[in-house]
Amino acid sequence: MAMLAIEKDKHVFCEKPVAVDGPGIRSVLKTVELARQKDLSIVSGLCWRYDYGVRETMKRLLDGAIGDIVAIHENYLAGTLWHRGRQPHWSEMEYQMRNWLYFTWLSGDHNVEQHIHSLDKAMWLMRDQPPLKCIGLGGRQVRVEEQWGNIYDHFAVVYEWECGTKCFAFTRQMRGCKNDVEDYILGSQGQALVLQNRIVPNDGEPWRYEGPKPSMYDVEHVELFEGIRKAEHLNDGLHMSYSTLVAIMGRMACYTGQEITWEAAMNSQEDLSPEKYEWGDIPVPAVAMPGITPFV
């Protein structure tokens, strides 16, 4: 859809995730390049990039407020989300689309659909340079019934960059558990909590953002429209694509039980698309089994 819009010379607001597999990412990157050539805007739904407090916190961290980034700990530990149920007159395709969160071909699994917000902040801190590789584990421990499609309910992934920095990323969707959504940053000269907009250097005074906090959902659209009016077009394309692939490679590592490199994920031939898009019967995808599910 984004490619069609860009081909028709339209500006695009593109929600996350922008793809669910390697072929999807490669397609989006072509769209992003075409938008650049045509000087059209692509603004993504990775909304924390438009939050004033997070922006200022990130700016200070990237300017060296806590020295070099040594380690990143990302938590997106949350409860369950909505479910639309099943109606007797729905086909299987309609059922899956109405409950799209729970099918990997539609959502990418919650590591991609939801935890991408945390992983995008890790990428932001790493100046949008992709990690070399990742390894992880995950599973389906509580949400095991048919209604939950073929996704997992927890993931734990470790990403590693060429410089040696690691990101420890944890996400969970389970009821009745302790929730925590935060970015814990360890630097060579201090620490930070990004969503709390707090920086604590080893030497010097702690800092906390105290400025205005308009809705980031408003800001992302305001800046899109302002850019169009001023012919200063925004293009979030590269970071939205790379952050999505970071999430996808984490899922690949957990689904297969293998170490996945950035290069392998980018060139993956796994296409999660159904054979045809039409109302009617559609297979229910199998739940991935680490050590059995192959990397493609």
Protein backbone atom coordinates (compact mmCIF):
# COMPACT_ATOMS: atom_id res chain seq x y z
CA MET A 1 0.00 0.00 0.00
CA ALA A 2 2.80 2.42 0.85
CA MET A 3 4.50 1.73 -2.48
CA LEU A 4 1.22 2.40 -4.30
CA ALA A 5 0.82 5.71 -2.48
CA ILE A 6 4.38 6.80 -3.23
CA GLU A 7 3.99 5.79 -6.89
CA LYS A 8 0.92 8.08 -6.97
CA ASP A 9 2.98 10.94 -5.45
CA LYS A 10 1.24 10.82 -2.07
CA HIS A 11 2.83 11.46 1.31
CA VAL A 12 2.55 8.54 3.74
CA PHE A 13 1.97 8.00 7.44
CA CYS A 14 3.07 4.41 7.99
CA GLU A 15 2.16 2.51 11.14
CA LYS A 16 4.50 0.06 12.78
CA PRO A 17 5.54 -2.64 12.19
CA VAL A 18 6.20 -1.94 8.54
CA ALA A 19 6.70 -5.63 7.68
CA VAL A 20 6.61 -9.08 9.26
CA ASP A 21 9.35 -10.87 7.29
CA GLY A 22 12.52 -10.35 5.25
CA PRO A 23 10.82 -10.00 1.85
CA GLY A 24 8.51 -7.40 3.37
CA ILE A 25 11.44 -5.37 4.70
CA ARG A 26 13.20 -5.45 1.34
CA SER A 27 10.02 -4.23 -0.33
CA VAL A 28 9.62 -1.39 2.18
CA LEU A 29 13.23 -0.30 1.67
CA LYS A 30 12.51 0.05 -2.06
CA THR A 31 9.48 2.18 -1.20
CA VAL A 32 11.57 4.32 1.13
CA GLU A 33 14.15 4.93 -1.60
CA LEU A 34 11.45 5.86 -4.10
CA ALA A 35 10.00 8.35 -1.60
CA ARG A 36 13.46 9.86 -1.18
CA GLN A 37 13.90 10.20 -4.93
CA LYS A 38 10.48 11.85 -5.25
CA ASP A 39 11.00 14.02 -2.15
CA LEU A 40 7.84 12.67 -0.47
CA SER A 41 7.27 12.28 3.25
CA ILE A 42 7.14 8.95 5.07
CA VAL A 43 6.46 9.33 8.79
CA SER A 44 6.29 6.21 10.93
CA GLY A 45 4.16 5.27 13.93
CA LEU A 46 7.26 4.72 16.07
CA CYS A 47 5.83 7.45 18.24
CA TRP A 48 8.51 7.77 20.93
CA ARG A 49 10.69 9.51 18.35
CA TYR A 50 8.11 12.30 18.54
CA ASP A 51 7.91 12.53 22.33
CA TYR A 52 9.55 15.74 23.55
CA GLY A 53 10.87 14.27 26.80
CA VAL A 54 12.29 11.15 25.17
CA ARG A 55 13.82 13.26 22.38
CA GLU A 56 15.65 15.49 24.83
CA THR A 57 16.78 12.51 26.91
CA MET A 58 18.10 10.74 23.82
CA LYS A 59 19.83 13.89 22.59
CA ARG A 60 21.71 14.21 25.87
CA LEU A 61 22.64 10.53 25.91
CA LEU A 62 23.91 10.69 22.33
CA ASP A 63 25.87 13.82 23.27
CA GLY A 64 27.70 11.78 25.92
CA ALA A 65 25.81 12.56 29.15
CA ILE A 66 26.69 9.11 30.54
CA GLY A 67 29.70 8.37 28.35
CA ASP A 68 29.70 5.45 25.95
CA ILE A 69 26.61 3.22 25.89
CA VAL A 70 27.73 -0.05 27.46
CA ALA A 71 24.45 -1.96 27.79
CA ILE A 72 20.75 -1.48 27.09
CA HIS A 73 18.01 -3.28 29.01
CA GLU A 74 14.59 -3.09 27.35
CA ASN A 75 11.47 -4.24 29.18
CA TYR A 76 8.01 -4.42 27.65
CA LEU A 77 6.38 -6.63 30.26
CA ALA A 78 2.64 -6.15 29.91
CA GLY A 79 -0.75 -7.80 30.16
CA THR A 80 -2.89 -9.23 27.39
CA LEU A 81 -4.64 -7.17 24.73
CA TRP A 82 -8.08 -7.34 23.15
CA HIS A 83 -9.63 -10.30 21.33
CA ARG A 84 -12.64 -10.00 18.99
CA GLY A 85 -13.91 -13.54 19.43
CA ARG A 86 -15.32 -15.60 16.58
CA GLN A 87 -18.65 -15.22 14.78
CA PRO A 88 -20.26 -18.15 12.94
CA HIS A 89 -20.64 -16.15 9.70
CA TRP A 90 -16.93 -15.22 9.57
CA SER A 91 -14.62 -17.16 7.29
CA GLU A 92 -11.26 -18.23 8.71
CA MET A 93 -9.60 -15.39 6.79
CA GLU A 94 -11.97 -12.83 8.34
CA TYR A 95 -11.47 -14.33 11.80
CA GLN A 96 -7.69 -14.08 11.51
CA MET A 97 -7.82 -10.54 10.16
CA ARG A 98 -10.17 -9.36 12.92
CA ASN A 99 -7.85 -10.98 15.47
CA TRP A 100 -4.70 -9.98 13.62
CA LEU A 101 -2.56 -9.57 16.74
CA TYR A 102 -2.45 -13.32 17.24
CA PHE A 103 -1.22 -14.44 13.83
CA THR A 104 2.41 -13.96 12.87
CA TRP A 105 1.65 -13.34 9.19
CA LEU A 106 -0.41 -10.30 10.21
CA SER A 107 1.33 -8.87 13.30
CA GLY A 108 4.79 -10.40 13.24
CA ASP A 109 4.08 -11.64 16.82
CA HIS A 110 4.08 -9.25 19.76
CA ASN A 111 7.88 -9.00 19.75
CA VAL A 112 7.43 -7.22 16.42
CA GLU A 113 4.03 -5.55 16.85
CA GLN A 114 4.48 -4.15 20.38
CA HIS A 115 8.04 -4.57 21.63
CA ILE A 116 9.26 -2.76 18.51
CA HIS A 117 8.78 0.50 20.45
CA SER A 118 11.46 -0.57 22.93
CA LEU A 119 13.75 -1.97 20.27
CA ASP A 120 13.42 1.24 18.26
CA LYS A 121 14.72 3.21 21.25
CA ALA A 122 17.68 0.83 21.49
CA MET A 123 18.38 1.42 17.81
CA TRP A 124 18.08 5.17 18.33
CA LEU A 125 20.72 4.98 21.06
CA MET A 126 22.95 3.00 18.70
CA ARG A 127 22.54 5.74 16.05
CA ASP A 128 20.38 3.39 13.96
CA GLN A 129 23.31 1.10 13.24
CA PRO A 130 22.00 -2.48 13.17
CA PRO A 131 23.26 -5.19 15.52
CA LEU A 132 25.55 -7.90 14.19
CA LYS A 133 23.53 -10.78 15.61
CA CYS A 134 21.08 -11.95 18.24
CA ILE A 135 20.10 -15.05 20.16
CA GLY A 136 17.04 -15.61 22.26
CA LEU A 137 14.35 -17.78 23.71
CA GLY A 138 10.60 -17.56 23.90
CA GLY A 139 7.48 -19.61 24.06
CA ARG A 140 3.78 -20.03 24.60
CA GLN A 141 3.33 -20.78 28.27
CA VAL A 142 -0.04 -19.31 29.27
CA ARG A 143 -1.88 -18.40 26.06
CA VAL A 144 -2.06 -21.91 24.67
CA GLU A 145 -5.68 -22.06 23.50
CA GLU A 146 -6.76 -21.93 19.85
CA GLN A 147 -8.06 -18.37 20.20
CA TRP A 148 -4.50 -17.06 20.58
CA GLY A 149 -3.51 -18.03 17.06
CA ASN A 150 0.12 -19.06 16.57
CA ILE A 151 2.04 -16.38 18.49
CA TYR A 152 4.17 -16.65 21.63
CA ASP A 153 3.43 -14.97 24.95
CA HIS A 154 7.03 -14.20 25.97
CA PHE A 155 10.41 -13.45 24.38
CA ALA A 156 13.91 -12.78 25.70
CA VAL A 157 16.53 -11.70 23.16
CA VAL A 158 20.14 -10.53 23.42
CA TYR A 159 21.39 -8.33 20.58
CA GLU A 160 25.07 -7.57 20.07
CA TRP A 161 26.70 -4.72 18.12
CA GLU A 162 30.13 -4.64 16.53
CA CYS A 163 31.39 -2.30 19.27
CA GLY A 164 30.50 -4.90 21.92
CA THR A 165 27.40 -3.14 23.27
CA LYS A 166 24.57 -5.52 24.07
CA CYS A 167 20.84 -5.01 24.36
CA PHE A 168 18.93 -7.35 26.66
CA ALA A 169 15.32 -7.24 25.47
CA PHE A 170 12.41 -8.81 27.33
CA THR A 171 8.72 -8.79 26.46
CA ARG A 172 5.71 -10.61 27.83
CA GLN A 173 1.92 -10.56 27.41
CA MET A 174 0.39 -12.32 30.42
CA ARG A 175 -2.34 -11.42 32.89
CA GLY A 176 -1.69 -11.18 36.61
CA CYS A 177 2.06 -10.53 36.40
CA LYS A 178 4.23 -7.60 37.43
CA ASN A 179 4.31 -5.14 34.53
CA ASP A 180 7.26 -2.96 33.58
CA VAL A 181 7.80 -0.89 30.45
CA GLU A 182 11.09 1.01 30.58
CA ASP A 183 14.45 1.52 28.90
CA TYR A 184 17.35 1.05 31.34
CA ILE A 185 20.58 2.44 29.92
CA LEU A 186 24.04 1.78 31.36
CA GLY A 187 26.84 4.06 30.22
CA SER A 188 30.52 4.19 31.04
CA GLN A 189 29.83 7.29 33.16
CA GLY A 190 26.30 6.86 34.45
CA GLN A 191 22.80 5.50 33.93
CA ALA A 192 19.49 6.61 32.44
CA LEU A 193 15.81 5.66 32.38
CA VAL A 194 14.51 6.88 29.06
CA LEU A 195 10.74 6.78 29.58
CA GLN A 196 11.16 8.53 32.92
CA ASN A 197 13.33 11.12 31.12
CA ARG A 198 15.98 10.70 33.83
CA ILE A 199 19.77 10.77 33.53
CA VAL A 200 22.01 9.99 36.51
CA PRO A 201 25.71 10.60 35.76
CA ASN A 202 28.34 9.12 38.06
CA ASP A 203 29.67 12.64 38.61
CA GLY A 204 27.42 15.66 38.56
CA GLU A 205 23.79 16.41 39.19
CA PRO A 206 20.98 14.10 38.07
CA TRP A 207 18.84 15.51 35.27
CA ARG A 208 15.14 15.12 34.49
CA TYR A 209 13.16 16.62 31.64
CA GLU A 210 10.73 19.27 32.86
CA GLY A 211 9.63 20.79 29.55
CA PRO A 212 6.34 20.64 27.66
CA LYS A 213 4.84 17.22 26.92
CA PRO A 214 2.30 17.38 24.09
CA SER A 215 0.85 14.08 22.89
CA MET A 216 3.44 12.29 20.78
CA TYR A 217 0.57 11.02 18.60
CA ASP A 218 -0.32 14.62 17.81
CA VAL A 219 3.31 15.66 17.30
CA GLU A 220 4.06 12.97 14.72
CA HIS A 221 1.16 14.21 12.58
CA VAL A 222 1.79 17.91 13.19
CA GLU A 223 5.40 17.52 12.05
CA LEU A 224 4.31 15.49 9.03
CA PHE A 225 1.86 18.21 7.96
CA GLU A 226 4.30 21.04 8.69
CA GLY A 227 6.96 19.32 6.62
CA ILE A 228 4.56 18.98 3.69
CA ARG A 229 3.52 22.64 3.91
CA LYS A 230 7.12 23.86 4.09
CA ALA A 231 8.40 21.37 1.49
CA GLU A 232 10.77 20.05 4.17
CA HIS A 233 9.69 16.47 3.85
CA LEU A 234 10.38 13.94 6.59
CA ASN A 235 11.57 10.43 5.80
CA ASP A 236 11.55 7.99 8.72
CA GLY A 237 11.94 5.15 6.27
CA LEU A 238 15.36 3.79 7.14
CA HIS A 239 14.98 3.69 10.90
CA MET A 240 11.42 2.34 10.76
CA SER A 241 12.61 -0.46 8.44
CA TYR A 242 15.72 -1.26 10.46
CA SER A 243 13.90 -1.26 13.80
CA THR A 244 11.26 -3.57 12.35
CA LEU A 245 13.95 -5.97 11.13
CA VAL A 246 15.63 -5.90 14.55
CA ALA A 247 12.33 -7.11 16.00
CA ILE A 248 11.88 -9.71 13.24
CA MET A 249 15.38 -11.15 13.71
CA GLY A 250 14.66 -11.49 17.43
CA ARG A 251 11.53 -13.46 16.63
CA MET A 252 13.48 -15.60 14.17
CA ALA A 253 16.06 -16.39 16.85
CA CYS A 254 13.36 -17.41 19.33
CA TYR A 255 11.26 -19.38 16.86
CA THR A 256 14.22 -21.38 15.54
CA GLY A 257 16.49 -21.53 18.59
CA GLN A 258 19.38 -20.35 16.41
CA GLU A 259 21.71 -17.35 16.41
CA ILE A 260 20.52 -14.98 13.69
CA THR A 261 22.77 -12.41 12.03
CA TRP A 262 21.57 -9.12 10.60
CA GLU A 263 22.68 -10.19 7.14
CA ALA A 264 20.77 -13.48 7.38
CA ALA A 265 17.60 -11.72 8.54
CA MET A 266 17.84 -9.11 5.79
CA ASN A 267 18.23 -11.82 3.14
CA SER A 268 15.72 -14.28 4.62
CA GLN A 269 13.44 -15.92 2.07
CA GLU A 270 10.69 -16.69 4.58
CA ASP A 271 7.48 -15.18 3.19
CA LEU A 272 4.61 -15.30 5.68
CA SER A 273 2.01 -14.09 3.16
CA PRO A 274 -0.97 -16.37 2.48
CA GLU A 275 -1.17 -17.95 -0.97
CA LYS A 276 -4.12 -15.72 -1.86
CA TYR A 277 -5.99 -12.82 -0.32
CA GLU A 278 -9.69 -13.64 -0.39
CA TRP A 279 -12.48 -14.37 2.05
CA GLY A 280 -12.69 -18.09 2.72
CA ASP A 281 -10.67 -20.85 4.27
CA ILE A 282 -7.05 -20.25 5.17
CA PRO A 283 -4.68 -22.52 7.10
CA VAL A 284 -4.04 -21.83 10.77
CA PRO A 285 -0.24 -21.47 10.90
CA ALA A 286 1.61 -23.87 13.17
CA VAL A 287 3.19 -22.64 16.40
CA ALA A 288 6.97 -22.39 16.01
CA MET A 289 9.07 -24.95 17.90
CA PRO A 290 12.70 -23.96 18.71
CA GLY A 291 15.17 -26.52 17.43
CA ILE A 292 12.57 -27.83 14.98
CA THR A 293 11.31 -24.78 13.11
CA PRO A 294 13.94 -24.02 10.45
CA PHE A 295 15.40 -20.66 9.53
CA VAL A 296 14.49 -19.89 5.93
